[in-house]
Amino acid sequence: MFDLPRTCVAVLLLAGFRGLPVLAQTPAAPESAAAMVESDLLRSFAAEEKRGDAFFYTQSYYALHGQHVIFKGSIFASIADVKVSGCRMKIDTTIADRYSGTIGRRRVDPTQSLYRISAHFMLTPEIAQFLKVVKARPGQLDEGTHPVCSDHQPCVLNWIELRSERPEMQVTEFTNDIQGYDGFVKEFDAPVDRFLVPVSSPAAGNELISRMQALAGACAH
């Protein structure tokens, strides 16, 4: 009887000393932690893009020219696309305002106003720390239009609020809400310190927040 393991080791060492190749299996490099975090984040955003948030509303108010405005409509907001490169993010959102009604005696046929809003920013630990889910009224329905929503509920949607200490999130907005013009017009393009991302529910928003915080933590190392 002889010691098989010790003999094998001796043979391998001898082969190495004589210049013979020693073959060994090298395990494939695992996906980096940052890449896995980024993949999870994009997967969660992709699922949320199919949902969005919406409500129905009615309006009755007097415009600046004194005419009585009566509208019925709906607001739908959703994430349109998300791109990630390291800790730099680009989030595209869409808000659709569909309405019809009257302005004075003039009938307004069913109309859809679209708002395409994009934000480019570096997801710093500071921004990630203050991410939170909020309920807020979309800017398309300001206080002066007196909107009333389904079942007399507040005309609010669910959003992820992004905040920064300085205006460092570059936001661009295109809209087709230009009377007499068939196409989109850039209405806003400037750095801001606050941006709202529409989400379908507080639970969905909190899941995305946890993914974004994980990404910010991975990028910081």
Protein backbone atom coordinates (compact mmCIF):
# COMPACT_ATOMS: atom_id res chain seq x y z
CA MET A 1 0.00 0.00 0.00
CA PHE A 2 1.17 3.53 -0.72
CA ASP A 3 -0.08 7.04 0.01
CA LEU A 4 -1.93 7.95 -3.22
CA PRO A 5 -2.57 11.63 -2.48
CA ARG A 6 1.07 12.23 -1.47
CA THR A 7 2.30 10.42 -4.59
CA CYS A 8 0.05 12.54 -6.87
CA VAL A 9 1.36 15.74 -5.33
CA ALA A 10 4.93 14.60 -5.87
CA VAL A 11 4.27 13.80 -9.54
CA LEU A 12 2.67 17.19 -10.14
CA LEU A 13 5.55 19.02 -8.49
CA LEU A 14 8.08 17.04 -10.55
CA ALA A 15 6.22 17.85 -13.76
CA GLY A 16 6.30 21.50 -12.87
CA PHE A 17 10.04 21.47 -12.17
CA ARG A 18 10.75 19.75 -15.52
CA GLY A 19 8.80 22.39 -17.45
CA LEU A 20 5.81 20.19 -18.26
CA PRO A 21 2.46 22.00 -18.30
CA VAL A 22 0.31 21.49 -15.26
CA LEU A 23 -3.37 21.70 -16.21
CA ALA A 24 -5.88 23.02 -13.71
CA GLN A 25 -9.48 24.15 -14.02
CA THR A 26 -9.98 27.87 -13.47
CA PRO A 27 -13.51 28.77 -12.38
CA ALA A 28 -15.25 31.41 -14.49
CA ALA A 29 -15.10 34.87 -12.95
CA PRO A 30 -18.41 35.61 -11.25
CA GLU A 31 -20.43 38.61 -12.35
CA SER A 32 -19.26 41.64 -10.41
CA ALA A 33 -21.41 42.84 -7.54
CA ALA A 34 -22.00 46.20 -9.24
CA ALA A 35 -23.12 44.51 -12.47
CA MET A 36 -25.57 42.31 -10.57
CA VAL A 37 -27.00 45.31 -8.72
CA GLU A 38 -27.38 47.20 -12.02
CA SER A 39 -29.10 44.20 -13.61
CA ASP A 40 -31.57 43.92 -10.71
CA LEU A 41 -32.31 47.65 -10.92
CA LEU A 42 -32.99 47.57 -14.67
CA ARG A 43 -35.18 44.50 -14.29
CA SER A 44 -37.31 46.23 -11.62
CA PHE A 45 -37.62 49.37 -13.73
CA ALA A 46 -38.61 47.32 -16.80
CA ALA A 47 -41.43 45.70 -14.83
CA GLU A 48 -42.63 49.08 -13.57
CA GLU A 49 -42.68 50.56 -17.10
CA LYS A 50 -45.67 48.31 -17.88
CA ARG A 51 -47.79 49.71 -15.04
CA GLY A 52 -47.91 53.44 -14.36
CA ASP A 53 -50.49 55.37 -12.33
CA ALA A 54 -53.68 57.18 -13.38
CA PHE A 55 -56.87 58.91 -12.28
CA PHE A 56 -60.01 60.45 -13.84
CA TYR A 57 -60.99 64.04 -13.19
CA THR A 58 -63.52 66.77 -13.91
CA GLN A 59 -62.87 70.52 -13.99
CA SER A 60 -65.10 73.55 -13.84
CA TYR A 61 -63.48 76.99 -13.71
CA TYR A 62 -63.38 80.40 -15.35
CA ALA A 63 -60.38 81.10 -17.54
CA LEU A 64 -58.57 84.44 -17.66
CA HIS A 65 -60.72 85.56 -20.62
CA GLY A 66 -63.84 84.98 -18.51
CA GLN A 67 -65.14 81.93 -20.36
CA HIS A 68 -66.46 79.00 -18.37
CA VAL A 69 -64.30 75.90 -18.88
CA ILE A 70 -65.75 72.43 -18.22
CA PHE A 71 -63.54 69.41 -18.87
CA LYS A 72 -63.65 65.70 -18.18
CA GLY A 73 -60.44 63.75 -18.56
CA SER A 74 -57.78 61.44 -17.25
CA ILE A 75 -54.11 61.67 -16.33
CA PHE A 76 -51.77 58.73 -16.90
CA ALA A 77 -48.10 58.86 -15.86
CA SER A 78 -45.45 56.18 -16.32
CA ILE A 79 -41.76 55.46 -16.66
CA ALA A 80 -40.90 55.24 -20.36
CA ASP A 81 -37.24 54.13 -20.29
CA VAL A 82 -34.24 53.88 -17.97
CA LYS A 83 -30.56 53.73 -18.85
CA VAL A 84 -27.71 53.11 -16.40
CA SER A 85 -23.97 53.52 -16.91
CA GLY A 86 -22.07 53.05 -13.69
CA CYS A 87 -23.84 55.39 -11.30
CA ARG A 88 -25.03 57.74 -14.04
CA MET A 89 -28.75 57.36 -14.75
CA LYS A 90 -31.19 58.63 -17.36
CA ILE A 91 -34.87 58.24 -16.55
CA ASP A 92 -37.50 59.04 -19.21
CA THR A 93 -41.10 59.57 -18.10
CA THR A 94 -44.37 60.24 -19.91
CA ILE A 95 -47.51 62.01 -18.75
CA ALA A 96 -50.65 61.78 -20.91
CA ASP A 97 -53.55 64.17 -20.29
CA ARG A 98 -56.70 63.14 -22.20
CA TYR A 99 -59.71 65.42 -21.97
CA SER A 100 -62.79 66.84 -23.69
CA GLY A 101 -65.49 69.36 -22.81
CA THR A 102 -66.41 72.95 -23.50
CA ILE A 103 -64.83 76.40 -23.35
CA GLY A 104 -67.71 78.82 -23.23
CA ARG A 105 -70.00 77.65 -26.03
CA ARG A 106 -67.20 76.03 -28.03
CA ARG A 107 -67.00 72.25 -27.95
CA VAL A 108 -63.55 70.74 -27.36
CA ASP A 109 -63.23 67.36 -29.04
CA PRO A 110 -61.29 64.56 -27.31
CA THR A 111 -57.71 65.80 -27.06
CA GLN A 112 -54.49 64.27 -25.76
CA SER A 113 -51.59 66.33 -24.48
CA LEU A 114 -48.32 64.42 -24.04
CA TYR A 115 -45.39 65.44 -21.86
CA ARG A 116 -42.07 63.65 -22.27
CA ILE A 117 -39.73 64.42 -19.39
CA SER A 118 -36.16 63.15 -18.99
CA ALA A 119 -33.68 63.47 -16.14
CA HIS A 120 -29.91 62.86 -16.38
CA PHE A 121 -28.04 62.64 -13.08
CA MET A 122 -25.29 60.96 -11.11
CA LEU A 123 -26.82 58.71 -8.45
CA THR A 124 -24.68 59.88 -5.56
CA PRO A 125 -24.99 58.44 -2.03
CA GLU A 126 -26.48 61.79 -0.97
CA ILE A 127 -29.28 61.61 -3.56
CA ALA A 128 -29.88 57.92 -2.80
CA GLN A 129 -30.14 58.61 0.92
CA PHE A 130 -33.05 61.03 0.53
CA LEU A 131 -35.10 59.04 -2.00
CA LYS A 132 -38.70 58.64 -0.87
CA VAL A 133 -42.20 57.91 -2.16
CA VAL A 134 -44.60 60.86 -2.18
CA LYS A 135 -48.13 61.56 -3.34
CA ALA A 136 -48.42 64.72 -5.41
CA ARG A 137 -50.67 66.34 -7.99
CA PRO A 138 -49.23 66.41 -11.51
CA GLY A 139 -48.38 69.87 -12.74
CA GLN A 140 -50.95 69.60 -15.54
CA LEU A 141 -53.73 70.20 -13.00
CA ASP A 142 -52.89 73.34 -11.06
CA GLU A 143 -54.94 74.67 -8.15
CA GLY A 144 -56.69 77.27 -10.27
CA THR A 145 -58.44 74.66 -12.42
CA HIS A 146 -60.31 73.16 -9.42
CA PRO A 147 -60.00 69.49 -10.40
CA VAL A 148 -62.23 66.90 -8.73
CA CYS A 149 -61.22 63.28 -9.07
CA SER A 150 -62.84 59.85 -8.95
CA ASP A 151 -64.89 59.32 -5.76
CA HIS A 152 -63.83 62.82 -4.68
CA GLN A 153 -60.34 61.55 -3.90
CA PRO A 154 -57.34 63.89 -4.09
CA CYS A 155 -56.04 64.24 -7.65
CA VAL A 156 -52.63 62.81 -6.79
CA LEU A 157 -50.29 60.16 -8.17
CA ASN A 158 -47.50 58.11 -6.61
CA TRP A 159 -43.97 59.32 -7.30
CA ILE A 160 -40.36 58.70 -6.29
CA GLU A 161 -38.93 62.04 -5.23
CA LEU A 162 -35.29 62.69 -6.11
CA ARG A 163 -33.61 65.61 -4.35
CA SER A 164 -30.14 67.10 -4.46
CA GLU A 165 -28.51 69.87 -2.46
CA ARG A 166 -27.70 71.76 -5.66
CA PRO A 167 -29.40 71.85 -9.08
CA GLU A 168 -27.43 68.93 -10.53
CA MET A 169 -30.14 66.87 -12.24
CA GLN A 170 -30.50 67.92 -15.86
CA VAL A 171 -34.20 67.83 -16.78
CA THR A 172 -35.61 68.20 -20.29
CA GLU A 173 -39.31 68.40 -21.13
CA PHE A 174 -40.96 68.09 -24.54
CA THR A 175 -44.68 68.64 -25.03
CA ASN A 176 -47.24 68.65 -27.84
CA ASP A 177 -49.47 70.94 -25.79
CA ILE A 178 -48.98 73.82 -28.22
CA GLN A 179 -52.15 75.15 -29.80
CA GLY A 180 -52.06 75.02 -33.57
CA TYR A 181 -48.76 73.11 -33.77
CA ASP A 182 -48.50 69.49 -34.85
CA GLY A 183 -45.40 68.15 -33.12
CA PHE A 184 -43.31 68.30 -29.97
CA VAL A 185 -41.66 71.41 -28.59
CA LYS A 186 -38.91 71.63 -25.98
CA GLU A 187 -40.44 73.59 -23.13
CA PHE A 188 -37.77 73.13 -20.46
CA ASP A 189 -34.09 72.21 -20.32
CA ALA A 190 -32.17 73.11 -17.18
CA PRO A 191 -30.57 71.66 -14.02
CA VAL A 192 -32.94 71.20 -11.09
CA ASP A 193 -32.72 70.04 -7.48
CA ARG A 194 -35.99 68.03 -7.50
CA PHE A 195 -37.47 65.50 -9.90
CA LEU A 196 -40.49 63.21 -9.62
CA VAL A 197 -40.60 59.73 -11.16
CA PRO A 198 -44.14 58.26 -11.50
CA VAL A 199 -44.68 54.79 -10.01
CA SER A 200 -47.72 52.53 -9.83
CA SER A 201 -47.82 52.22 -6.03
CA PRO A 202 -45.87 53.04 -2.85
CA ALA A 203 -44.70 49.41 -2.70
CA ALA A 204 -43.33 49.58 -6.25
CA GLY A 205 -41.65 52.89 -5.46
CA ASN A 206 -40.00 51.54 -2.33
CA GLU A 207 -38.68 48.53 -4.24
CA LEU A 208 -37.08 50.80 -6.84
CA ILE A 209 -35.65 53.00 -4.09
CA SER A 210 -33.96 50.00 -2.45
CA ARG A 211 -32.48 49.00 -5.84
CA MET A 212 -31.20 52.54 -6.48
CA GLN A 213 -29.67 52.76 -3.02
CA ALA A 214 -27.94 49.43 -3.59
CA LEU A 215 -26.52 50.75 -6.86
CA ALA A 216 -25.27 53.94 -5.22
CA GLY A 217 -23.57 51.83 -2.54
CA ALA A 218 -21.95 49.52 -5.13
CA CYS A 219 -20.63 52.45 -7.15
CA ALA A 220 -19.15 54.07 -4.05
CA HIS A 221 -16.74 51.12 -3.57
